[in-house]
N, C-alpha and C. Protein backbone atom coordinates (compact mmCIF):
# COMPACT_ATOMS: atom_id res chain seq x y z
N MET A 1 0.83 -1.14 0.17
CA MET A 1 0.31 0.06 0.29
C MET A 1 0.68 1.24 0.12
N ILE A 2 1.72 1.58 0.74
CA ILE A 2 2.74 2.46 0.71
C ILE A 2 3.48 2.65 -0.57
N SER A 3 3.77 1.67 -1.12
CA SER A 3 4.34 1.67 -2.54
C SER A 3 3.72 2.48 -3.63
N LYS A 4 2.09 1.83 -3.36
CA LYS A 4 1.53 2.63 -4.45
C LYS A 4 1.15 4.02 -4.16
N THR A 5 1.18 4.53 -2.95
CA THR A 5 0.79 5.76 -2.39
C THR A 5 1.84 6.44 -2.97
N VAL A 6 3.07 6.23 -2.55
CA VAL A 6 4.59 7.13 -2.96
C VAL A 6 4.22 7.33 -4.18
N TYR A 7 3.93 6.11 -5.32
CA TYR A 7 4.13 6.26 -6.54
C TYR A 7 3.19 7.08 -7.47
N ASN A 8 1.77 6.81 -6.56
CA ASN A 8 0.58 7.93 -7.07
C ASN A 8 1.09 9.36 -6.67
N ALA A 9 1.71 9.61 -5.66
CA ALA A 9 2.15 10.93 -4.93
C ALA A 9 2.83 11.46 -6.13
N ILE A 10 4.06 10.71 -6.47
CA ILE A 10 5.00 11.43 -7.38
C ILE A 10 4.13 11.57 -8.70
N LYS A 11 3.51 10.61 -9.53
CA LYS A 11 2.66 10.90 -10.70
C LYS A 11 1.64 12.11 -10.33
N ALA A 12 1.37 12.51 -9.37
CA ALA A 12 0.34 13.55 -8.98
C ALA A 12 1.49 14.72 -9.03
N GLY A 13 2.68 14.78 -8.99
CA GLY A 13 3.47 15.64 -9.12
C GLY A 13 4.24 16.06 -7.72
N TYR A 14 3.93 15.51 -6.51
CA TYR A 14 4.76 15.51 -5.09
C TYR A 14 6.38 15.28 -5.66
N ARG A 15 7.20 15.98 -5.03
CA ARG A 15 8.84 15.62 -4.80
C ARG A 15 9.63 15.79 -3.70
N LEU A 16 8.73 16.30 -2.33
CA LEU A 16 9.42 15.99 -1.30
C LEU A 16 8.73 15.00 -0.38
N PHE A 17 9.70 14.13 0.03
CA PHE A 17 9.18 13.00 0.92
C PHE A 17 9.67 12.99 2.47
N ASP A 18 8.86 13.11 3.27
CA ASP A 18 9.79 12.77 4.73
C ASP A 18 9.48 11.31 5.34
N GLY A 19 10.93 10.48 5.42
CA GLY A 19 10.71 9.42 5.85
C GLY A 19 11.69 8.92 7.13
N ALA A 20 11.34 7.91 7.97
CA ALA A 20 12.37 7.44 9.24
C ALA A 20 12.32 5.92 9.44
N CYS A 21 13.57 5.60 9.43
CA CYS A 21 13.75 3.96 9.91
C CYS A 21 12.07 4.01 10.83
N ASP A 22 11.80 4.52 11.88
CA ASP A 22 10.84 4.59 12.97
C ASP A 22 9.72 4.32 12.37
N TYR A 23 9.27 4.49 11.02
CA TYR A 23 7.84 4.52 10.51
C TYR A 23 7.45 2.98 9.52
N GLY A 24 8.89 2.20 10.00
CA GLY A 24 8.62 1.05 9.18
C GLY A 24 8.64 0.42 7.80
N ASN A 25 8.49 1.82 7.15
CA ASN A 25 8.18 1.52 5.62
C ASN A 25 9.31 2.04 4.81
N GLU A 26 10.32 2.00 4.95
CA GLU A 26 11.45 2.51 4.21
C GLU A 26 11.40 1.82 2.56
N LYS A 27 11.33 0.24 3.21
CA LYS A 27 11.51 -0.79 1.85
C LYS A 27 10.36 -0.17 0.71
N GLN A 28 8.89 -0.18 1.53
CA GLN A 28 7.99 0.27 0.64
C GLN A 28 8.04 1.56 -0.48
N ALA A 29 8.02 2.52 0.68
CA ALA A 29 8.32 3.72 -0.15
C ALA A 29 9.70 3.81 -1.31
N GLY A 30 10.82 3.12 -1.19
CA GLY A 30 11.35 2.99 -2.06
C GLY A 30 10.96 2.13 -3.36
N GLU A 31 10.66 1.31 -2.83
CA GLU A 31 9.75 0.26 -4.22
C GLU A 31 8.92 1.56 -5.28
N GLY A 32 7.94 2.39 -4.16
CA GLY A 32 7.24 3.42 -4.63
C GLY A 32 8.17 4.41 -5.61
N ILE A 33 9.24 4.88 -5.15
CA ILE A 33 9.86 5.84 -5.86
C ILE A 33 10.91 5.04 -7.24
N ARG A 34 11.13 3.75 -6.86
CA ARG A 34 11.85 2.96 -8.04
C ARG A 34 10.99 3.02 -8.89
N ARG A 35 9.81 2.75 -8.79
CA ARG A 35 8.76 2.18 -9.81
C ARG A 35 8.83 3.63 -10.67
N ALA A 36 8.69 4.85 -9.93
CA ALA A 36 8.39 6.22 -10.50
C ALA A 36 9.53 6.54 -11.66
N ILE A 37 10.86 6.03 -10.89
CA ILE A 37 12.08 6.35 -11.73
C ILE A 37 12.16 5.81 -12.93
N ASP A 38 11.81 4.11 -13.08
CA ASP A 38 12.04 3.30 -13.76
C ASP A 38 10.90 3.65 -14.78
N GLU A 39 9.82 4.08 -14.54
CA GLU A 39 9.08 4.51 -15.93
C GLU A 39 9.02 5.69 -16.37
N GLY A 40 10.20 6.68 -15.94
CA GLY A 40 10.26 7.73 -16.66
C GLY A 40 9.54 8.68 -16.37
N ILE A 41 9.11 8.49 -14.96
CA ILE A 41 8.02 9.72 -14.59
C ILE A 41 8.63 10.95 -13.68
N VAL A 42 9.72 10.28 -13.23
CA VAL A 42 10.81 11.19 -12.67
C VAL A 42 12.18 10.90 -12.87
N LYS A 43 13.37 11.76 -12.35
CA LYS A 43 14.53 11.44 -12.23
C LYS A 43 14.35 12.05 -10.59
N ARG A 44 16.09 10.75 -10.32
CA ARG A 44 16.02 10.74 -8.87
C ARG A 44 16.70 12.22 -8.53
N GLU A 45 17.07 12.82 -9.24
CA GLU A 45 17.95 14.21 -8.81
C GLU A 45 16.39 15.61 -8.93
N ASP A 46 15.53 14.96 -9.12
CA ASP A 46 13.95 15.32 -9.05
C ASP A 46 13.31 15.18 -7.61
N LEU A 47 13.85 14.56 -6.91
CA LEU A 47 13.24 14.09 -5.76
C LEU A 47 13.80 14.66 -4.42
N CYS A 48 13.22 14.84 -3.74
CA CYS A 48 14.04 15.47 -2.41
C CYS A 48 13.21 14.66 -1.17
N GLU A 49 14.38 13.93 -0.28
CA GLU A 49 13.61 12.99 0.82
C GLU A 49 14.39 13.33 2.26
N HIS A 50 13.78 13.51 3.13
CA HIS A 50 14.38 14.00 4.27
C HIS A 50 13.91 12.84 5.27
N THR A 51 15.24 12.69 5.90
CA THR A 51 14.83 11.44 6.85
C THR A 51 15.57 12.30 8.39
N PRO A 52 14.81 12.51 9.33
CA PRO A 52 14.93 12.75 10.61
C PRO A 52 15.48 11.52 11.50
N MET A 53 16.63 11.84 12.13
CA MET A 53 17.48 10.93 13.14
C MET A 53 17.38 11.38 14.23
N THR A 54 16.50 10.63 15.48
CA THR A 54 16.06 11.22 16.56
C THR A 54 17.51 10.86 17.45
N MET A 55 17.51 11.97 18.40
CA MET A 55 18.53 11.68 19.68
C MET A 55 18.70 10.19 20.22
N VAL A 56 17.46 9.55 20.69
CA VAL A 56 17.44 8.24 20.82
C VAL A 56 18.33 7.08 19.87
N MET A 57 17.83 7.66 18.61
CA MET A 57 18.34 6.79 17.29
C MET A 57 20.25 6.70 17.43
N TYR A 58 20.87 8.50 17.80
CA TYR A 58 21.81 8.41 17.58
C TYR A 58 22.60 7.78 18.81
N TRP A 59 21.89 7.78 20.22
CA TRP A 59 22.42 7.45 21.21
C TRP A 59 22.57 5.71 21.02
N LEU A 60 21.72 5.20 20.21
CA LEU A 60 21.83 3.63 20.53
C LEU A 60 23.07 3.42 19.18
N LEU A 61 23.21 4.08 18.24
CA LEU A 61 23.94 3.83 17.70
C LEU A 61 25.56 4.39 18.06
N ILE A 62 25.59 5.25 19.03
CA ILE A 62 26.85 5.47 19.51
C ILE A 62 27.32 4.30 20.67
N GLU A 63 25.85 3.84 21.32
CA GLU A 63 25.69 2.76 22.47
C GLU A 63 26.44 1.66 21.62
N ARG A 64 25.96 1.07 20.51
CA ARG A 64 26.16 -0.23 19.78
C ARG A 64 27.91 0.09 19.17
N GLN A 65 28.48 1.06 19.34
CA GLN A 65 29.74 1.58 18.54
C GLN A 65 28.95 1.26 17.35
N SER A 66 28.24 1.59 16.82
CA SER A 66 27.69 1.67 15.09
C SER A 66 28.09 3.41 14.52
N SER A 67 27.83 3.58 13.59
CA SER A 67 28.29 4.91 12.86
C SER A 67 26.70 5.32 12.05
N LEU A 68 27.22 6.59 12.19
CA LEU A 68 26.37 7.30 10.99
C LEU A 68 25.94 6.92 9.72
N PRO A 69 27.35 6.82 9.23
CA PRO A 69 27.50 6.34 7.83
C PRO A 69 26.86 5.10 7.32
N ARG A 70 27.16 4.24 8.41
CA ARG A 70 26.45 2.68 8.48
C ARG A 70 24.85 2.61 8.43
N GLN A 71 24.55 3.55 9.27
CA GLN A 71 22.95 3.96 9.67
C GLN A 71 22.46 4.83 8.01
N ALA A 72 23.23 5.39 7.41
CA ALA A 72 23.13 6.06 6.17
C ALA A 72 22.98 4.97 5.00
N GLU A 73 23.66 4.13 5.13
CA GLU A 73 23.86 2.64 4.58
C GLU A 73 22.54 1.81 4.41
N VAL A 74 22.42 1.78 5.77
CA VAL A 74 20.98 0.93 5.97
C VAL A 74 20.05 1.47 5.52
N LEU A 75 19.69 2.88 5.31
CA LEU A 75 18.46 3.65 4.94
C LEU A 75 18.63 3.36 3.42
N LEU A 76 19.43 3.67 2.99
CA LEU A 76 19.71 3.52 1.50
C LEU A 76 19.49 2.39 0.80
N ALA A 77 19.88 1.36 1.61
CA ALA A 77 19.48 -0.15 1.12
C ALA A 77 18.33 -0.28 1.38
N ASP A 78 17.32 0.10 2.14
CA ASP A 78 15.90 -0.07 2.38
C ASP A 78 15.30 0.32 1.34
N ARG A 79 15.40 1.63 1.11
CA ARG A 79 15.15 2.48 -0.08
C ARG A 79 15.52 1.93 -1.41
N LYS A 80 16.30 1.16 -1.46
CA LYS A 80 17.22 0.93 -2.97
C LYS A 80 17.60 2.20 -3.38
N GLN A 81 18.01 2.71 -3.05
CA GLN A 81 18.20 4.41 -3.48
C GLN A 81 19.88 4.30 -3.61
N CYS A 82 20.24 5.68 -4.90
CA CYS A 82 21.45 5.70 -4.68
C CYS A 82 22.23 6.88 -3.56
N CYS A 83 21.36 7.71 -3.20
CA CYS A 83 21.72 8.46 -2.15
C CYS A 83 20.16 9.45 -1.54
N ARG A 84 20.41 9.71 -0.58
CA ARG A 84 19.68 10.43 0.56
C ARG A 84 19.81 11.86 0.26
N SER A 85 18.83 12.55 -0.09
CA SER A 85 18.81 14.21 0.03
C SER A 85 19.27 14.79 1.39
N LEU A 86 18.63 14.39 2.33
CA LEU A 86 18.96 15.27 3.62
C LEU A 86 18.60 14.10 4.82
N MET A 87 19.82 14.05 5.75
CA MET A 87 19.46 13.06 6.73
C MET A 87 20.02 13.78 8.18
N MET A 88 18.64 14.35 9.01
CA MET A 88 19.05 15.24 10.20
C MET A 88 19.15 14.75 11.34
N LEU A 89 19.85 15.12 12.16
CA LEU A 89 19.52 14.94 13.76
C LEU A 89 18.68 15.94 14.16
N CYS A 90 17.72 15.36 14.74
CA CYS A 90 16.47 16.19 15.69
C CYS A 90 16.73 16.08 17.31
N PHE A 91 16.76 17.16 17.64
CA PHE A 91 16.84 17.10 19.20
C PHE A 91 15.59 17.63 19.89
N SER A 92 14.79 16.46 20.06
CA SER A 92 13.34 16.63 20.32
C SER A 92 13.16 15.34 21.42
């Protein structure tokens, strides 16, 4: 359902998408984006994706001796994308 919603949003002209690991739908959102790109509806560089990272997520990364670049790799793999437009650390 998420894949179809994202795909239809792109067809309707939406170009800015907000996503986060906490939502649990990164893979499905990526499928919708990939479909729109593959069908020539949009180019990757025309899309802007925003991914907030909460302080809790940041702390868990530090605690597990992980790294922000590794977290970014996971997010990109989930969406099957080559790049993320904006990854922001949120202090809330």
